[in-house]
Amino acid sequence: MKRLLLLLLTAGTIFLGGCLETTEEVTINEDGTGTYSTSSDMSNAISIAKNMGGGGIDKMPVQKMDSSISLGSLAEKMEGLTEPEKEMMKRGTMHIKMSMEDEKFVTSMNFSFTSPDEISQFRELSPKLTMEAAKLMMESLKTLMPGGMPMGGMQGGEMPEMSSVEDYYKVEFSNDKLEKKLNKDKYANVSSDQVLQGMKQAAEFGIPVSNTYIINLPRPAEKVEGRNVKLSEDKKKVMVTTSLDDFFDHPESLEFKVKF
């Protein structure tokens, strides 16, 4: 039972790190503006903990969270951000919904951009934003641990450095092209990534670990490349679905290139 609780709480520290069931969607308008959103569903972590934990988890205090957080307010707490970056973050929000009783644990993040290149800037800043939000969430989750036990099996309750599958790829957005490429030099050291090892452990418990990318184009695609890429009939929607196994076994399968 203790091991299952630690797994659940460890998942909390990486809830927007590209693990479990994550959907990333980009909508680009003809003038280059648009929206970018990500959502992560970790409800299975709670369900599996209940099913395998002998019912003990049902006796824990009921914990619920349903709140939105301004990314601008999180950015104000981060060091090293420029004023333009802080202003950009003000256009984004994060929502966290968690209920042990209803077996729900879903997070989402939404951001509006004025030009496609802002997407890459946002993605670079999002791990730091996520860490700030994770700290707030973990404070709430502390009441779930009997006797104030350290969370996630980490020394002193400290959270690991934020990491995700996306950290191993470079994504470029422009007014007529989207491209995602593997950073081969960084991937060579992926075995030492503690957070990704945690994702592997989650998969061993039967928790799905997958990513879905949805790209809504302002006009039909002229050329699409990628092993897992699917194009809609009107050629204006691109979908890429990958799993953690793809990342470890065939990392190039997460690459794609769209010209429109």
Protein backbone atom coordinates (compact mmCIF):
# COMPACT_ATOMS: atom_id res chain seq x y z
CA MET A 1 0.00 0.00 0.00
CA LYS A 2 2.79 2.43 0.93
CA ARG A 3 4.50 1.84 -2.40
CA LEU A 4 1.29 2.64 -4.28
CA LEU A 5 0.80 5.87 -2.37
CA LEU A 6 4.36 6.90 -3.11
CA LEU A 7 3.80 6.17 -6.79
CA LEU A 8 0.68 8.33 -6.80
CA LEU A 9 2.39 11.23 -5.09
CA THR A 10 5.47 10.98 -7.29
CA ALA A 11 3.14 11.31 -10.26
CA GLY A 12 1.98 14.56 -8.76
CA THR A 13 5.43 16.09 -9.08
CA ILE A 14 5.53 15.43 -12.83
CA PHE A 15 1.85 15.95 -13.64
CA LEU A 16 2.59 18.19 -16.63
CA GLY A 17 5.85 16.63 -17.61
CA GLY A 18 4.52 14.67 -20.56
CA CYS A 19 3.71 11.53 -18.63
CA LEU A 20 0.61 9.33 -18.44
CA GLU A 21 -2.16 10.34 -20.89
CA THR A 22 -1.25 13.74 -22.27
CA THR A 23 -2.81 15.67 -25.15
CA GLU A 24 -1.10 18.68 -26.69
CA GLU A 25 -3.09 20.81 -29.15
CA VAL A 26 -2.07 23.78 -31.29
CA THR A 27 -4.52 25.86 -33.32
CA ILE A 28 -2.99 28.34 -35.77
CA ASN A 29 -5.02 31.09 -37.44
CA GLU A 30 -4.27 32.56 -40.86
CA ASP A 31 -2.73 35.67 -39.29
CA GLY A 32 -0.32 33.60 -37.17
CA THR A 33 -2.19 33.99 -33.89
CA GLY A 34 -3.70 31.01 -32.12
CA THR A 35 -3.96 28.86 -29.01
CA TYR A 36 -1.79 26.20 -27.43
CA SER A 37 -3.06 23.79 -24.79
CA THR A 38 -1.98 20.68 -22.94
CA SER A 39 -4.01 18.33 -20.77
CA SER A 40 -2.85 15.40 -18.66
CA ASP A 41 -5.14 12.71 -17.27
CA MET A 42 -3.72 10.72 -14.36
CA SER A 43 -7.03 9.36 -13.08
CA ASN A 44 -5.81 5.80 -13.66
CA ALA A 45 -3.16 6.30 -10.98
CA ILE A 46 -5.86 6.78 -8.34
CA SER A 47 -8.01 3.96 -9.70
CA ILE A 48 -5.15 1.46 -9.70
CA ALA A 49 -4.08 2.51 -6.20
CA LYS A 50 -7.60 1.84 -4.95
CA ASN A 51 -7.91 -1.51 -6.72
CA MET A 52 -4.54 -2.81 -5.57
CA GLY A 53 -4.30 -1.19 -2.17
CA GLY A 54 -6.68 -3.43 -0.27
CA GLY A 55 -9.16 -0.60 0.24
CA GLY A 56 -6.86 1.30 2.60
CA ILE A 57 -6.77 4.32 0.37
CA ASP A 58 -10.54 4.72 0.75
CA LYS A 59 -10.04 5.32 4.48
CA MET A 60 -7.75 8.28 3.90
CA PRO A 61 -9.08 11.84 4.28
CA VAL A 62 -11.12 12.97 1.27
CA GLN A 63 -9.02 15.33 -0.79
CA LYS A 64 -10.40 17.46 -3.60
CA MET A 65 -8.97 20.24 -5.70
CA ASP A 66 -10.66 22.14 -8.51
CA SER A 67 -8.94 25.42 -9.20
CA SER A 68 -7.43 27.60 -11.90
CA ILE A 69 -4.08 29.34 -11.61
CA SER A 70 -2.89 32.31 -13.62
CA LEU A 71 0.41 31.51 -15.30
CA GLY A 72 1.22 35.17 -14.89
CA SER A 73 1.05 34.85 -11.10
CA LEU A 74 3.35 31.82 -11.23
CA ALA A 75 5.77 33.68 -13.51
CA GLU A 76 6.08 36.47 -10.95
CA LYS A 77 7.60 33.96 -8.52
CA MET A 78 10.19 32.74 -10.99
CA GLU A 79 13.66 34.26 -11.16
CA GLY A 80 15.38 35.29 -14.38
CA LEU A 81 12.31 36.02 -16.49
CA THR A 82 12.25 39.12 -18.64
CA GLU A 83 9.32 41.53 -18.53
CA PRO A 84 8.17 40.46 -22.04
CA GLU A 85 8.19 36.83 -20.90
CA LYS A 86 6.12 37.70 -17.84
CA GLU A 87 3.66 39.59 -20.03
CA MET A 88 3.40 36.59 -22.36
CA MET A 89 2.62 34.29 -19.41
CA LYS A 90 -0.30 36.50 -18.40
CA ARG A 91 -2.15 35.10 -21.42
CA GLY A 92 -2.10 31.61 -19.94
CA THR A 93 -3.95 29.65 -17.26
CA MET A 94 -3.52 26.29 -15.56
CA HIS A 95 -6.38 24.19 -14.18
CA ILE A 96 -6.06 21.33 -11.70
CA LYS A 97 -8.94 18.99 -10.87
CA MET A 98 -8.36 16.15 -8.42
CA SER A 99 -10.76 13.99 -6.41
CA MET A 100 -9.70 10.82 -4.60
CA GLU A 101 -13.36 9.88 -4.12
CA ASP A 102 -14.27 10.24 -7.81
CA GLU A 103 -10.93 8.86 -9.03
CA LYS A 104 -10.18 12.00 -11.04
CA PHE A 105 -6.84 13.67 -11.51
CA VAL A 106 -6.76 15.95 -14.57
CA THR A 107 -4.65 19.01 -15.28
CA SER A 108 -4.70 21.41 -18.21
CA MET A 109 -2.79 24.46 -19.38
CA ASN A 110 -3.96 26.97 -21.99
CA PHE A 111 -2.05 29.78 -23.66
CA SER A 112 -2.87 32.22 -26.47
CA PHE A 113 -0.04 33.33 -28.75
CA THR A 114 0.34 36.27 -31.10
CA SER A 115 2.85 34.51 -33.39
CA PRO A 116 3.91 30.83 -33.77
CA ASP A 117 7.42 31.47 -32.44
CA GLU A 118 5.89 32.22 -29.01
CA ILE A 119 4.91 28.55 -28.74
CA SER A 120 8.56 27.51 -28.52
CA GLN A 121 9.22 30.22 -25.92
CA PHE A 122 6.26 29.01 -23.88
CA ARG A 123 7.38 25.38 -24.07
CA GLU A 124 10.83 26.34 -22.78
CA LEU A 125 9.33 28.15 -19.79
CA SER A 126 6.57 25.65 -19.00
CA PRO A 127 8.75 23.23 -16.93
CA LYS A 128 9.54 26.04 -14.48
CA LEU A 129 5.90 27.07 -14.38
CA THR A 130 4.94 23.47 -13.79
CA MET A 131 7.36 23.19 -10.87
CA GLU A 132 5.81 26.21 -9.18
CA ALA A 133 2.32 24.73 -9.64
CA ALA A 134 3.51 21.32 -8.46
CA LYS A 135 4.76 22.84 -5.22
CA LEU A 136 1.31 24.28 -4.56
CA MET A 137 -0.36 20.96 -5.36
CA MET A 138 2.04 18.93 -3.23
CA GLU A 139 1.28 21.13 -0.24
CA SER A 140 -2.34 20.08 -0.63
CA LEU A 141 -1.44 16.41 -1.11
CA LYS A 142 0.54 16.27 2.14
CA THR A 143 -2.65 15.56 4.08
CA LEU A 144 -2.96 12.24 2.23
CA MET A 145 0.25 10.85 3.74
CA PRO A 146 -0.14 9.27 7.19
CA GLY A 147 2.09 10.94 9.78
CA GLY A 148 3.39 13.49 7.30
CA MET A 149 5.51 10.98 5.43
CA PRO A 150 7.84 12.38 2.74
CA MET A 151 6.16 12.39 -0.65
CA GLY A 152 7.15 10.39 -3.68
CA GLY A 153 9.82 8.47 -1.82
CA MET A 154 12.12 11.50 -2.10
CA GLN A 155 14.58 12.46 0.59
CA GLY A 156 13.11 15.18 2.79
CA GLY A 157 10.08 15.40 0.51
CA GLU A 158 12.12 17.22 -2.13
CA MET A 159 10.83 17.02 -5.69
CA PRO A 160 13.14 15.83 -8.48
CA GLU A 161 14.26 18.23 -11.17
CA MET A 162 11.46 18.65 -13.70
CA SER A 163 11.92 16.60 -16.86
CA SER A 164 9.80 15.19 -19.67
CA VAL A 165 9.93 13.35 -22.98
CA GLU A 166 9.58 16.72 -24.72
CA ASP A 167 12.91 17.87 -23.27
CA TYR A 168 14.62 15.51 -25.71
CA TYR A 169 13.19 17.18 -28.80
CA LYS A 170 13.49 20.56 -30.46
CA VAL A 171 10.24 21.98 -31.80
CA GLU A 172 10.16 24.86 -34.29
CA PHE A 173 7.01 26.73 -35.28
CA SER A 174 6.63 29.33 -38.04
CA ASN A 175 3.86 30.74 -40.23
CA ASP A 176 4.17 27.89 -42.74
CA LYS A 177 6.08 25.05 -41.06
CA LEU A 178 6.08 22.92 -37.92
CA GLU A 179 8.98 20.61 -37.15
CA LYS A 180 9.94 18.38 -34.24
CA LYS A 181 13.42 16.82 -34.15
CA LEU A 182 15.22 14.53 -31.71
CA ASN A 183 18.15 15.99 -29.77
CA LYS A 184 20.43 12.99 -30.22
CA ASP A 185 23.21 14.26 -27.97
CA LYS A 186 20.84 14.71 -25.02
CA TYR A 187 19.03 11.44 -25.70
CA ALA A 188 22.33 9.59 -25.31
CA ASN A 189 22.03 10.21 -21.54
CA VAL A 190 18.33 9.42 -21.16
CA SER A 191 19.04 6.42 -18.90
CA SER A 192 20.08 8.80 -16.09
CA ASP A 193 16.78 10.75 -16.16
CA GLN A 194 15.09 9.97 -12.81
CA VAL A 195 11.71 11.37 -13.79
CA LEU A 196 11.49 9.28 -16.95
CA GLN A 197 12.40 6.24 -14.88
CA GLY A 198 9.41 7.13 -12.72
CA MET A 199 7.26 7.10 -15.84
CA LYS A 200 8.52 3.59 -16.57
CA GLN A 201 7.48 2.50 -13.10
CA ALA A 202 4.02 3.95 -13.66
CA ALA A 203 3.74 1.94 -16.88
CA GLU A 204 4.67 -1.21 -14.96
CA PHE A 205 1.64 -0.63 -12.72
CA GLY A 206 -0.57 -0.64 -15.80
CA ILE A 207 -0.96 3.13 -16.03
CA PRO A 208 -1.04 4.25 -19.71
CA VAL A 209 1.80 6.55 -20.70
CA SER A 210 1.02 8.19 -24.03
CA ASN A 211 1.12 11.50 -25.87
CA THR A 212 -1.26 12.81 -28.52
CA TYR A 213 -0.41 15.87 -30.59
CA ILE A 214 -3.16 17.69 -32.48
CA ILE A 215 -2.28 20.51 -34.87
CA ASN A 216 -5.08 22.54 -36.45
CA LEU A 217 -3.74 24.32 -39.53
CA PRO A 218 -5.11 27.52 -41.10
CA ARG A 219 -4.93 25.91 -44.55
CA PRO A 220 -4.36 22.43 -46.05
CA ALA A 221 -0.96 20.85 -45.48
CA GLU A 222 1.33 20.70 -48.50
CA LYS A 223 3.65 18.05 -47.07
CA VAL A 224 3.61 15.90 -43.95
CA GLU A 225 6.41 13.64 -42.71
CA GLY A 226 6.59 11.36 -39.68
CA ARG A 227 6.17 7.70 -38.74
CA ASN A 228 3.11 8.21 -36.52
CA VAL A 229 1.56 11.17 -38.34
CA LYS A 230 -2.05 11.07 -39.52
CA LEU A 231 -3.64 13.74 -41.72
CA SER A 232 -7.36 14.51 -41.87
CA GLU A 233 -9.32 14.34 -45.13
CA ASP A 234 -9.29 18.10 -45.57
CA LYS A 235 -5.53 18.12 -44.73
CA LYS A 236 -6.04 20.80 -42.09
CA LYS A 237 -5.70 18.61 -38.98
CA VAL A 238 -2.53 16.71 -38.11
CA MET A 239 -2.52 14.07 -35.35
CA VAL A 240 0.48 12.28 -33.88
CA THR A 241 0.00 9.59 -31.22
CA THR A 242 2.99 8.08 -29.43
CA SER A 243 3.72 5.97 -26.37
CA LEU A 244 6.53 5.75 -23.84
CA ASP A 245 7.67 2.56 -25.56
CA ASP A 246 8.05 4.53 -28.79
CA PHE A 247 10.23 7.04 -26.98
CA PHE A 248 12.59 4.42 -25.55
CA ASP A 249 12.56 1.95 -28.44
CA HIS A 250 12.25 4.24 -31.48
CA PRO A 251 12.77 7.89 -30.42
CA GLU A 252 12.77 9.04 -34.06
CA SER A 253 9.11 7.96 -34.30
CA LEU A 254 8.15 11.06 -32.30
CA GLU A 255 9.61 13.36 -34.94
CA PHE A 256 7.40 15.09 -37.50
CA LYS A 257 7.48 17.84 -40.10
CA VAL A 258 4.49 19.70 -41.49
CA LYS A 259 4.64 22.22 -44.35
CA PHE A 260 1.47 24.22 -45.05
